Amino acid sequence: MKRRLRLVTLLCALAVVGVLATVFRPQAEEVSESEPASVSESDLQLYIKVYGAMQEDHDLTIDNAIKSSQMSLDDFRQLERRIQNQPRLVERVRDAMLERVKANSTFALSTATPTPGESPKVEKNPRPKKK
């Protein structure tokens, strides 16, 4: 009898602990999917300018690259997150960076297609020479 009473007490205690754990356990907050924060054209150009400068001078740190823009590193990182959350903007940045590389590439400049010069004009009906 004592054995059965202990078992029932133990099961009740486990049940109470289980109920309390599920009731008082903090649940993760659901984050609603909202529109990504917009990025102005000037912010996008600033982002491209900073990374373009760093691409041209590999010793340049991000802190030094953003000094001229009067922007804090935290603000720049927030801008970076907003841009990276929008695939369309990421593609625009990639295209702009690729264009900068092509414009400054010695190899690209050396393999550029030459522009053809003017060809000499040929007369359609040459006149016979008089003797």
N, C-alpha and C. Protein backbone atom coordinates (compact mmCIF):
# COMPACT_ATOMS: atom_id res chain seq x y z
N MET A 1 0.81 -1.18 0.00
CA MET A 1 0.00 0.00 0.00
C MET A 1 0.86 1.25 0.00
N LYS A 2 1.90 1.26 0.85
CA LYS A 2 2.80 2.41 0.89
C LYS A 2 3.51 2.56 -0.45
N ARG A 3 3.80 1.45 -1.04
CA ARG A 3 4.49 1.48 -2.32
C ARG A 3 3.60 2.13 -3.38
N ARG A 4 2.33 1.77 -3.40
CA ARG A 4 1.39 2.32 -4.35
C ARG A 4 1.18 3.82 -4.10
N LEU A 5 1.13 4.24 -2.86
CA LEU A 5 0.95 5.64 -2.50
C LEU A 5 2.17 6.47 -2.94
N ARG A 6 3.36 5.92 -2.78
CA ARG A 6 4.58 6.61 -3.23
C ARG A 6 4.57 6.78 -4.75
N LEU A 7 4.16 5.75 -5.46
CA LEU A 7 4.13 5.79 -6.92
C LEU A 7 3.12 6.84 -7.40
N VAL A 8 1.95 6.88 -6.80
CA VAL A 8 0.93 7.86 -7.18
C VAL A 8 1.42 9.27 -6.86
N THR A 9 2.04 9.45 -5.69
CA THR A 9 2.58 10.77 -5.30
C THR A 9 3.67 11.21 -6.28
N LEU A 10 4.54 10.29 -6.65
CA LEU A 10 5.61 10.59 -7.60
C LEU A 10 5.04 10.98 -8.95
N LEU A 11 4.04 10.24 -9.44
CA LEU A 11 3.41 10.55 -10.72
C LEU A 11 2.70 11.90 -10.68
N CYS A 12 2.04 12.21 -9.56
CA CYS A 12 1.38 13.52 -9.42
C CYS A 12 2.40 14.65 -9.40
N ALA A 13 3.50 14.44 -8.71
CA ALA A 13 4.54 15.46 -8.65
C ALA A 13 5.13 15.70 -10.03
N LEU A 14 5.40 14.64 -10.79
CA LEU A 14 5.92 14.77 -12.15
C LEU A 14 4.92 15.48 -13.06
N ALA A 15 3.64 15.17 -12.87
CA ALA A 15 2.61 15.81 -13.68
C ALA A 15 2.55 17.31 -13.38
N VAL A 16 2.63 17.68 -12.10
CA VAL A 16 2.60 19.09 -11.72
C VAL A 16 3.83 19.81 -12.29
N VAL A 17 4.99 19.19 -12.20
CA VAL A 17 6.21 19.80 -12.74
C VAL A 17 6.09 19.97 -14.25
N GLY A 18 5.54 18.99 -14.93
CA GLY A 18 5.36 19.07 -16.38
C GLY A 18 4.42 20.18 -16.77
N VAL A 19 3.31 20.30 -16.06
CA VAL A 19 2.34 21.36 -16.35
C VAL A 19 2.95 22.73 -16.08
N LEU A 20 3.66 22.87 -14.97
CA LEU A 20 4.28 24.16 -14.65
C LEU A 20 5.36 24.53 -15.67
N ALA A 21 6.10 23.54 -16.13
CA ALA A 21 7.16 23.81 -17.11
C ALA A 21 6.57 24.30 -18.44
N THR A 22 5.44 23.73 -18.83
CA THR A 22 4.85 24.17 -20.11
C THR A 22 4.10 25.48 -19.97
N VAL A 23 3.53 25.77 -18.81
CA VAL A 23 2.78 27.00 -18.62
C VAL A 23 3.71 28.19 -18.45
N PHE A 24 4.74 28.04 -17.66
CA PHE A 24 5.62 29.17 -17.35
C PHE A 24 6.86 29.25 -18.24
N ARG A 25 6.97 28.35 -19.16
CA ARG A 25 8.11 28.38 -20.07
C ARG A 25 7.92 29.52 -21.05
N PRO A 26 8.90 30.41 -21.20
CA PRO A 26 8.74 31.54 -22.13
C PRO A 26 8.76 31.04 -23.57
N GLN A 27 7.84 31.53 -24.33
CA GLN A 27 7.75 31.15 -25.73
C GLN A 27 8.50 32.18 -26.58
N ALA A 28 9.02 31.73 -27.69
CA ALA A 28 9.68 32.66 -28.60
C ALA A 28 8.65 33.58 -29.21
N GLU A 29 8.99 34.84 -29.31
CA GLU A 29 8.07 35.80 -29.89
C GLU A 29 8.07 35.65 -31.40
N GLU A 30 6.90 35.68 -31.94
CA GLU A 30 6.77 35.59 -33.39
C GLU A 30 7.05 36.97 -33.97
N VAL A 31 7.94 37.00 -34.93
CA VAL A 31 8.26 38.25 -35.60
C VAL A 31 7.47 38.29 -36.89
N SER A 32 6.69 39.33 -37.04
CA SER A 32 5.89 39.43 -38.26
C SER A 32 6.79 39.84 -39.41
N GLU A 33 6.50 39.27 -40.55
CA GLU A 33 7.27 39.60 -41.74
C GLU A 33 6.77 40.93 -42.27
N SER A 34 7.60 41.93 -42.16
CA SER A 34 7.22 43.23 -42.68
C SER A 34 8.09 43.54 -43.89
N GLU A 35 7.77 44.60 -44.56
CA GLU A 35 8.56 45.00 -45.71
C GLU A 35 9.96 45.38 -45.25
N PRO A 36 10.97 45.01 -46.02
CA PRO A 36 12.31 45.43 -45.63
C PRO A 36 12.41 46.95 -45.68
N ALA A 37 13.23 47.48 -44.79
CA ALA A 37 13.41 48.93 -44.74
C ALA A 37 13.96 49.41 -46.08
N SER A 38 13.45 50.52 -46.54
CA SER A 38 13.88 51.01 -47.84
C SER A 38 15.28 51.61 -47.76
N VAL A 39 15.95 51.58 -48.88
CA VAL A 39 17.30 52.13 -48.98
C VAL A 39 17.24 53.21 -50.06
N SER A 40 17.65 54.41 -49.69
CA SER A 40 17.62 55.50 -50.67
C SER A 40 18.75 55.31 -51.68
N GLU A 41 18.60 55.97 -52.81
CA GLU A 41 19.61 55.88 -53.86
C GLU A 41 20.95 56.44 -53.38
N SER A 42 20.91 57.50 -52.56
CA SER A 42 22.17 58.07 -52.06
C SER A 42 22.85 57.12 -51.08
N ASP A 43 22.06 56.39 -50.27
CA ASP A 43 22.65 55.40 -49.37
C ASP A 43 23.28 54.27 -50.15
N LEU A 44 22.62 53.84 -51.22
CA LEU A 44 23.17 52.76 -52.05
C LEU A 44 24.47 53.21 -52.71
N GLN A 45 24.50 54.44 -53.21
CA GLN A 45 25.71 54.95 -53.84
C GLN A 45 26.85 55.10 -52.82
N LEU A 46 26.51 55.49 -51.59
CA LEU A 46 27.51 55.58 -50.53
C LEU A 46 28.10 54.20 -50.24
N TYR A 47 27.24 53.21 -50.15
CA TYR A 47 27.68 51.83 -49.90
C TYR A 47 28.63 51.36 -51.00
N ILE A 48 28.25 51.63 -52.25
CA ILE A 48 29.10 51.24 -53.38
C ILE A 48 30.42 52.00 -53.35
N LYS A 49 30.36 53.27 -53.00
CA LYS A 49 31.57 54.10 -52.93
C LYS A 49 32.54 53.57 -51.87
N VAL A 50 32.02 53.22 -50.70
CA VAL A 50 32.87 52.72 -49.61
C VAL A 50 33.54 51.41 -50.01
N TYR A 51 32.75 50.47 -50.53
CA TYR A 51 33.34 49.19 -50.90
C TYR A 51 34.21 49.31 -52.15
N GLY A 52 33.91 50.26 -53.02
CA GLY A 52 34.77 50.51 -54.17
C GLY A 52 36.13 51.03 -53.74
N ALA A 53 36.14 51.93 -52.76
CA ALA A 53 37.41 52.46 -52.24
C ALA A 53 38.22 51.34 -51.59
N MET A 54 37.53 50.47 -50.87
CA MET A 54 38.23 49.35 -50.24
C MET A 54 38.73 48.35 -51.28
N GLN A 55 38.04 48.24 -52.40
CA GLN A 55 38.47 47.34 -53.46
C GLN A 55 39.72 47.89 -54.16
N GLU A 56 39.77 49.21 -54.31
CA GLU A 56 40.93 49.83 -54.95
C GLU A 56 42.16 49.82 -54.05
N ASP A 57 41.96 49.99 -52.74
CA ASP A 57 43.06 50.00 -51.78
C ASP A 57 42.80 48.92 -50.73
N HIS A 58 43.42 47.78 -50.91
CA HIS A 58 43.15 46.63 -50.02
C HIS A 58 43.64 46.85 -48.60
N ASP A 59 44.46 47.87 -48.37
CA ASP A 59 44.92 48.17 -47.01
C ASP A 59 43.94 49.09 -46.27
N LEU A 60 42.96 49.61 -46.97
CA LEU A 60 41.99 50.53 -46.38
C LEU A 60 41.00 49.75 -45.51
N THR A 61 40.84 50.20 -44.28
CA THR A 61 39.87 49.56 -43.38
C THR A 61 38.51 50.22 -43.57
N ILE A 62 37.49 49.55 -43.12
CA ILE A 62 36.14 50.10 -43.28
C ILE A 62 35.98 51.38 -42.46
N ASP A 63 36.65 51.44 -41.31
CA ASP A 63 36.58 52.66 -40.50
C ASP A 63 37.12 53.86 -41.26
N ASN A 64 38.24 53.68 -41.95
CA ASN A 64 38.82 54.78 -42.72
C ASN A 64 38.00 55.07 -43.97
N ALA A 65 37.38 54.05 -44.55
CA ALA A 65 36.61 54.25 -45.77
C ALA A 65 35.33 55.04 -45.51
N ILE A 66 34.76 54.91 -44.32
CA ILE A 66 33.50 55.62 -44.05
C ILE A 66 33.73 56.98 -43.38
N LYS A 67 34.98 57.33 -43.09
CA LYS A 67 35.25 58.63 -42.45
C LYS A 67 34.74 59.79 -43.27
N SER A 68 34.91 59.74 -44.58
CA SER A 68 34.51 60.86 -45.42
C SER A 68 32.99 61.01 -45.48
N SER A 69 32.26 59.97 -45.16
CA SER A 69 30.79 60.03 -45.24
C SER A 69 30.15 60.51 -43.95
N GLN A 70 30.94 60.72 -42.90
CA GLN A 70 30.41 61.17 -41.61
C GLN A 70 29.37 60.19 -41.06
N MET A 71 29.62 58.91 -41.25
CA MET A 71 28.68 57.87 -40.80
C MET A 71 29.41 56.99 -39.81
N SER A 72 28.70 56.57 -38.77
CA SER A 72 29.31 55.68 -37.80
C SER A 72 29.33 54.26 -38.36
N LEU A 73 30.18 53.43 -37.79
CA LEU A 73 30.29 52.05 -38.24
C LEU A 73 28.97 51.31 -38.03
N ASP A 74 28.31 51.56 -36.89
CA ASP A 74 27.02 50.91 -36.63
C ASP A 74 25.97 51.30 -37.68
N ASP A 75 25.94 52.59 -38.04
CA ASP A 75 24.99 53.04 -39.06
C ASP A 75 25.30 52.39 -40.41
N PHE A 76 26.58 52.27 -40.72
CA PHE A 76 26.97 51.64 -41.98
C PHE A 76 26.58 50.16 -41.99
N ARG A 77 26.78 49.49 -40.87
CA ARG A 77 26.42 48.07 -40.79
C ARG A 77 24.90 47.88 -40.91
N GLN A 78 24.13 48.81 -40.36
CA GLN A 78 22.67 48.74 -40.51
C GLN A 78 22.28 48.93 -41.98
N LEU A 79 22.94 49.87 -42.64
CA LEU A 79 22.70 50.07 -44.06
C LEU A 79 23.05 48.81 -44.84
N GLU A 80 24.16 48.20 -44.48
CA GLU A 80 24.60 46.97 -45.13
C GLU A 80 23.56 45.86 -44.97
N ARG A 81 23.00 45.73 -43.76
CA ARG A 81 21.97 44.70 -43.52
C ARG A 81 20.72 44.98 -44.35
N ARG A 82 20.33 46.25 -44.43
CA ARG A 82 19.14 46.59 -45.20
C ARG A 82 19.34 46.27 -46.68
N ILE A 83 20.54 46.53 -47.18
CA ILE A 83 20.84 46.23 -48.59
C ILE A 83 20.86 44.72 -48.81
N GLN A 84 21.49 43.99 -47.91
CA GLN A 84 21.62 42.55 -48.09
C GLN A 84 20.30 41.81 -47.91
N ASN A 85 19.30 42.45 -47.33
CA ASN A 85 17.98 41.82 -47.21
C ASN A 85 17.15 41.98 -48.48
N GLN A 86 17.68 42.71 -49.45
CA GLN A 86 16.95 42.94 -50.70
C GLN A 86 17.79 42.45 -51.88
N PRO A 87 17.48 41.28 -52.39
CA PRO A 87 18.29 40.70 -53.47
C PRO A 87 18.46 41.61 -54.68
N ARG A 88 17.47 42.42 -54.97
CA ARG A 88 17.57 43.34 -56.11
C ARG A 88 18.71 44.34 -55.89
N LEU A 89 18.83 44.84 -54.66
CA LEU A 89 19.91 45.79 -54.36
C LEU A 89 21.27 45.11 -54.33
N VAL A 90 21.31 43.88 -53.84
CA VAL A 90 22.57 43.14 -53.82
C VAL A 90 23.08 42.97 -55.26
N GLU A 91 22.17 42.67 -56.17
CA GLU A 91 22.55 42.52 -57.58
C GLU A 91 23.04 43.84 -58.16
N ARG A 92 22.40 44.94 -57.80
CA ARG A 92 22.86 46.25 -58.28
C ARG A 92 24.27 46.57 -57.77
N VAL A 93 24.53 46.23 -56.51
CA VAL A 93 25.86 46.48 -55.94
C VAL A 93 26.89 45.62 -56.67
N ARG A 94 26.57 44.36 -56.89
CA ARG A 94 27.51 43.48 -57.61
C ARG A 94 27.82 44.01 -59.01
N ASP A 95 26.78 44.44 -59.71
CA ASP A 95 26.99 44.99 -61.06
C ASP A 95 27.85 46.24 -61.02
N ALA A 96 27.60 47.11 -60.06
CA ALA A 96 28.38 48.34 -59.95
C ALA A 96 29.85 48.04 -59.62
N MET A 97 30.06 47.08 -58.74
CA MET A 97 31.43 46.72 -58.37
C MET A 97 32.15 46.08 -59.56
N LEU A 98 31.44 45.27 -60.32
CA LEU A 98 32.02 44.65 -61.50
C LEU A 98 32.39 45.69 -62.54
N GLU A 99 31.54 46.69 -62.72
CA GLU A 99 31.84 47.77 -63.65
C GLU A 99 33.08 48.55 -63.21
N ARG A 100 33.21 48.78 -61.90
CA ARG A 100 34.39 49.49 -61.39
C ARG A 100 35.65 48.69 -61.66
N VAL A 101 35.56 47.39 -61.49
CA VAL A 101 36.73 46.53 -61.73
C VAL A 101 37.09 46.57 -63.21
N LYS A 102 36.08 46.45 -64.07
CA LYS A 102 36.35 46.47 -65.51
C LYS A 102 36.96 47.79 -65.94
N ALA A 103 36.49 48.90 -65.35
CA ALA A 103 36.99 50.22 -65.73
C ALA A 103 38.43 50.42 -65.29
N ASN A 104 38.84 49.79 -64.20
CA ASN A 104 40.18 50.00 -63.67
C ASN A 104 41.12 48.84 -63.91
N SER A 105 40.68 47.83 -64.62
CA SER A 105 41.49 46.64 -64.83
C SER A 105 42.49 46.86 -65.96
N THR A 106 43.76 46.64 -65.69
CA THR A 106 44.77 46.76 -66.73
C THR A 106 44.55 45.69 -67.78
N PHE A 107 44.20 44.50 -67.36
CA PHE A 107 43.95 43.41 -68.30
C PHE A 107 42.77 43.75 -69.21
N ALA A 108 41.69 44.26 -68.62
CA ALA A 108 40.52 44.60 -69.42
C ALA A 108 40.84 45.71 -70.41
N LEU A 109 41.66 46.67 -69.97
CA LEU A 109 42.04 47.76 -70.87
C LEU A 109 42.95 47.27 -71.99
N SER A 110 43.80 46.29 -71.69
CA SER A 110 44.73 45.80 -72.71
C SER A 110 44.05 44.88 -73.71
N THR A 111 42.94 44.27 -73.33
CA THR A 111 42.24 43.37 -74.26
C THR A 111 41.02 44.02 -74.88
N ALA A 112 40.92 45.32 -74.77
CA ALA A 112 39.76 46.01 -75.33
C ALA A 112 39.77 45.88 -76.85
N THR A 113 38.62 45.83 -77.42
CA THR A 113 38.50 45.73 -78.87
C THR A 113 38.89 47.07 -79.49
N PRO A 114 39.82 47.03 -80.42
CA PRO A 114 40.23 48.30 -81.05
C PRO A 114 39.09 48.85 -81.91
N THR A 115 39.05 50.16 -81.97
CA THR A 115 38.03 50.79 -82.81
C THR A 115 38.56 50.87 -84.23
N PRO A 116 37.77 50.49 -85.19
CA PRO A 116 38.27 50.51 -86.57
C PRO A 116 38.39 51.93 -87.08
N GLY A 117 39.41 52.13 -87.90
CA GLY A 117 39.59 53.44 -88.52
C GLY A 117 38.74 53.54 -89.76
N GLU A 118 38.80 54.69 -90.40
CA GLU A 118 38.01 54.86 -91.61
C GLU A 118 38.68 54.12 -92.75
N SER A 119 37.89 53.47 -93.53
CA SER A 119 38.44 52.77 -94.70
C SER A 119 38.51 53.75 -95.86
N PRO A 120 39.46 53.55 -96.76
CA PRO A 120 39.55 54.48 -97.89
C PRO A 120 38.33 54.34 -98.79
N LYS A 121 37.93 55.46 -99.35
CA LYS A 121 36.76 55.46 -100.22
C LYS A 121 37.17 54.95 -101.61
N VAL A 122 36.33 54.12 -102.14
CA VAL A 122 36.57 53.58 -103.47
C VAL A 122 35.50 54.13 -104.40
N GLU A 123 35.95 54.62 -105.54
CA GLU A 123 35.00 55.13 -106.51
C GLU A 123 34.28 53.97 -107.17
N LYS A 124 33.01 54.16 -107.41
CA LYS A 124 32.23 53.09 -108.00
C LYS A 124 32.54 52.91 -109.48
N ASN A 125 32.59 53.95 -110.21
CA ASN A 125 32.88 53.85 -111.65
C ASN A 125 34.12 54.67 -111.95
N PRO A 126 35.26 54.03 -111.88
CA PRO A 126 36.46 54.81 -112.19
C PRO A 126 36.45 55.20 -113.68
N ARG A 127 36.86 56.42 -113.96
CA ARG A 127 36.90 56.91 -115.35
C ARG A 127 38.19 56.44 -115.99
N PRO A 128 38.07 56.10 -117.21
CA PRO A 128 39.30 55.70 -117.90
C PRO A 128 40.18 56.95 -118.15
N LYS A 129 41.46 56.72 -118.06
CA LYS A 129 42.40 57.81 -118.25
C LYS A 129 42.51 58.16 -119.73
N LYS A 130 42.58 59.45 -120.01
CA LYS A 130 42.73 59.91 -121.39
C LYS A 130 44.20 59.89 -121.74
N LYS A 131 44.44 59.56 -122.98
CA LYS A 131 45.82 59.50 -123.43
C LYS A 131 46.22 60.74 -124.11
